[in-house]
Amino acid sequence: MSSTRPVGYAERLIGSIRRECLDHIIIGNERGLRRVLRAYVQYYNDVRPHSSLGYLTPAAFKAKHLEDVDRGRSPALPARADLTKNEEQLTGPSDAILQ
């Protein structure tokens, strides 16, 4: 049995952390790294839109999912959305940490 799917998910997450967070700041020590990673995880889970969720944030996707369930509709993942439809201005986690 192959475990390539979980490995792929982990590699994608680590790549996102590196590209979106760690490549933009200098970490002084382990304590600082932990603080930065906690802030990034919060950003990733609460603010950052995800392509697999139709470019919704996880919170917006959950709200939509619960609304669909309440209306008796079958919950399903949305079709992939066009990036140009997401007009929400976002700030990255490093912006919040550096302020």
C-alpha atoms as a PDB file:
ATOM      1  CA  MET A   1       0.000   0.000   0.000  1.00  0.00           C
ATOM      2  CA  SER A   2       1.383   3.395  -0.975  1.00  0.00           C
ATOM      3  CA  SER A   3       1.401   6.510   1.189  1.00  0.00           C
ATOM      4  CA  THR A   4       2.118   9.029  -1.564  1.00  0.00           C
ATOM      5  CA  ARG A   5      -1.056  11.073  -1.011  1.00  0.00           C
ATOM      6  CA  PRO A   6      -0.279  12.057   2.629  1.00  0.00           C
ATOM      7  CA  VAL A   7       3.325  12.755   1.677  1.00  0.00           C
ATOM      8  CA  GLY A   8       2.126  15.017  -1.145  1.00  0.00           C
ATOM      9  CA  TYR A   9      -0.155  16.935   1.229  1.00  0.00           C
ATOM     10  CA  ALA A  10       2.694  17.395   3.714  1.00  0.00           C
ATOM     11  CA  GLU A  11       5.085  18.530   0.989  1.00  0.00           C
ATOM     12  CA  ARG A  12       2.544  21.041  -0.313  1.00  0.00           C
ATOM     13  CA  LEU A  13       1.924  22.455   3.184  1.00  0.00           C
ATOM     14  CA  ILE A  14       5.639  22.748   3.916  1.00  0.00           C
ATOM     15  CA  GLY A  15       6.163  24.463   0.560  1.00  0.00           C
ATOM     16  CA  SER A  16       3.346  26.917   1.325  1.00  0.00           C
ATOM     17  CA  ILE A  17       4.838  27.697   4.735  1.00  0.00           C
ATOM     18  CA  ARG A  18       8.230  28.293   3.173  1.00  0.00           C
ATOM     19  CA  ARG A  19       7.004  30.420   0.214  1.00  0.00           C
ATOM     20  CA  GLU A  20       4.344  32.443   2.032  1.00  0.00           C
ATOM     21  CA  CYS A  21       6.019  32.895   5.396  1.00  0.00           C
ATOM     22  CA  LEU A  22       9.597  31.842   6.027  1.00  0.00           C
ATOM     23  CA  ASP A  23      11.078  33.265   2.812  1.00  0.00           C
ATOM     24  CA  HIS A  24       9.992  36.765   3.914  1.00  0.00           C
ATOM     25  CA  ILE A  25      11.378  37.031   7.434  1.00  0.00           C
ATOM     26  CA  ILE A  26      14.533  36.283   9.390  1.00  0.00           C
ATOM     27  CA  ILE A  27      14.105  33.976  12.366  1.00  0.00           C
ATOM     28  CA  GLY A  28      16.419  34.615  15.310  1.00  0.00           C
ATOM     29  CA  ASN A  29      15.811  31.554  17.455  1.00  0.00           C
ATOM     30  CA  GLU A  30      13.516  28.574  18.032  1.00  0.00           C
ATOM     31  CA  ARG A  31      11.103  30.584  20.188  1.00  0.00           C
ATOM     32  CA  GLY A  32      10.726  33.145  17.406  1.00  0.00           C
ATOM     33  CA  LEU A  33      10.188  30.370  14.858  1.00  0.00           C
ATOM     34  CA  ARG A  34       7.432  28.836  16.990  1.00  0.00           C
ATOM     35  CA  ARG A  35       5.719  32.237  17.321  1.00  0.00           C
ATOM     36  CA  VAL A  36       5.889  32.845  13.574  1.00  0.00           C
ATOM     37  CA  LEU A  37       4.600  29.348  12.767  1.00  0.00           C
ATOM     38  CA  ARG A  38       1.674  29.714  15.223  1.00  0.00           C
ATOM     39  CA  ALA A  39       0.710  32.988  13.540  1.00  0.00           C
ATOM     40  CA  TYR A  40       1.020  31.412  10.094  1.00  0.00           C
ATOM     41  CA  VAL A  41      -1.151  28.419  11.065  1.00  0.00           C
ATOM     42  CA  GLN A  42      -3.836  30.825  12.301  1.00  0.00           C
ATOM     43  CA  TYR A  43      -3.577  32.802   9.040  1.00  0.00           C
ATOM     44  CA  TYR A  44      -3.649  29.585   6.971  1.00  0.00           C
ATOM     45  CA  ASN A  45      -6.746  28.274   8.756  1.00  0.00           C
ATOM     46  CA  ASP A  46      -8.706  31.520   9.164  1.00  0.00           C
ATOM     47  CA  VAL A  47      -7.736  34.056   6.485  1.00  0.00           C
ATOM     48  CA  ARG A  48      -6.013  32.417   3.512  1.00  0.00           C
ATOM     49  CA  PRO A  49      -8.296  31.284   0.659  1.00  0.00           C
ATOM     50  CA  HIS A  50      -7.740  27.692  -0.465  1.00  0.00           C
ATOM     51  CA  SER A  51      -8.035  26.550  -4.088  1.00  0.00           C
ATOM     52  CA  SER A  52      -9.537  23.229  -2.985  1.00  0.00           C
ATOM     53  CA  LEU A  53     -12.374  25.158  -1.297  1.00  0.00           C
ATOM     54  CA  GLY A  54     -13.241  27.237  -4.349  1.00  0.00           C
ATOM     55  CA  TYR A  55     -10.929  30.037  -3.164  1.00  0.00           C
ATOM     56  CA  LEU A  56     -12.938  30.490   0.030  1.00  0.00           C
ATOM     57  CA  THR A  57     -11.369  30.725   3.439  1.00  0.00           C
ATOM     58  CA  PRO A  58     -11.952  27.637   5.596  1.00  0.00           C
ATOM     59  CA  ALA A  59     -14.310  29.668   7.834  1.00  0.00           C
ATOM     60  CA  ALA A  60     -16.354  30.884   4.837  1.00  0.00           C
ATOM     61  CA  PHE A  61     -16.448  27.359   3.394  1.00  0.00           C
ATOM     62  CA  LYS A  62     -17.671  25.950   6.720  1.00  0.00           C
ATOM     63  CA  ALA A  63     -20.385  28.606   6.952  1.00  0.00           C
ATOM     64  CA  LYS A  64     -21.497  27.846   3.379  1.00  0.00           C
ATOM     65  CA  HIS A  65     -21.439  24.115   4.084  1.00  0.00           C
ATOM     66  CA  LEU A  66     -23.571  24.510   7.223  1.00  0.00           C
ATOM     67  CA  GLU A  67     -25.991  26.789   5.343  1.00  0.00           C
ATOM     68  CA  ASP A  68     -26.351  24.171   2.593  1.00  0.00           C
ATOM     69  CA  VAL A  69     -26.964  21.429   5.162  1.00  0.00           C
ATOM     70  CA  ASP A  70     -29.586  23.587   6.929  1.00  0.00           C
ATOM     71  CA  ARG A  71     -31.375  24.077   3.601  1.00  0.00           C
ATOM     72  CA  GLY A  72     -31.380  20.338   2.938  1.00  0.00           C
ATOM     73  CA  ARG A  73     -28.871  20.490   0.093  1.00  0.00           C
ATOM     74  CA  SER A  74     -26.212  17.869  -0.317  1.00  0.00           C
ATOM     75  CA  PRO A  75     -22.893  19.299   0.847  1.00  0.00           C
ATOM     76  CA  ALA A  76     -20.264  19.037  -1.857  1.00  0.00           C
ATOM     77  CA  LEU A  77     -16.984  20.711  -2.586  1.00  0.00           C
ATOM     78  CA  PRO A  78     -17.419  23.737  -4.833  1.00  0.00           C
ATOM     79  CA  ALA A  79     -16.111  23.811  -8.369  1.00  0.00           C
ATOM     80  CA  ARG A  80     -12.761  25.529  -8.599  1.00  0.00           C
ATOM     81  CA  ALA A  81     -13.269  29.251  -8.861  1.00  0.00           C
ATOM     82  CA  ASP A  82     -11.461  31.825 -10.944  1.00  0.00           C
ATOM     83  CA  LEU A  83      -8.845  33.738  -8.924  1.00  0.00           C
ATOM     84  CA  THR A  84     -10.078  37.036 -10.355  1.00  0.00           C
ATOM     85  CA  LYS A  85     -13.401  36.562  -8.546  1.00  0.00           C
ATOM     86  CA  ASN A  86     -11.696  36.790  -5.161  1.00  0.00           C
ATOM     87  CA  GLU A  87     -11.424  40.535  -4.650  1.00  0.00           C
ATOM     88  CA  GLU A  88     -10.805  40.388  -0.905  1.00  0.00           C
ATOM     89  CA  GLN A  89      -7.553  42.130   0.057  1.00  0.00           C
ATOM     90  CA  LEU A  90      -5.491  39.921   2.316  1.00  0.00           C
ATOM     91  CA  THR A  91      -2.412  40.569   4.369  1.00  0.00           C
ATOM     92  CA  GLY A  92       0.089  37.841   4.973  1.00  0.00           C
ATOM     93  CA  PRO A  93       1.054  36.500   8.390  1.00  0.00           C
ATOM     94  CA  SER A  94       4.428  38.205   8.317  1.00  0.00           C
ATOM     95  CA  ASP A  95       2.668  41.598   8.077  1.00  0.00           C
ATOM     96  CA  ALA A  96       0.814  40.920  11.342  1.00  0.00           C
ATOM     97  CA  ILE A  97       3.947  39.688  13.099  1.00  0.00           C
ATOM     98  CA  LEU A  98       6.079  42.641  12.073  1.00  0.00           C
ATOM     99  CA  GLN A  99       3.567  45.251  13.260  1.00  0.00           C
END
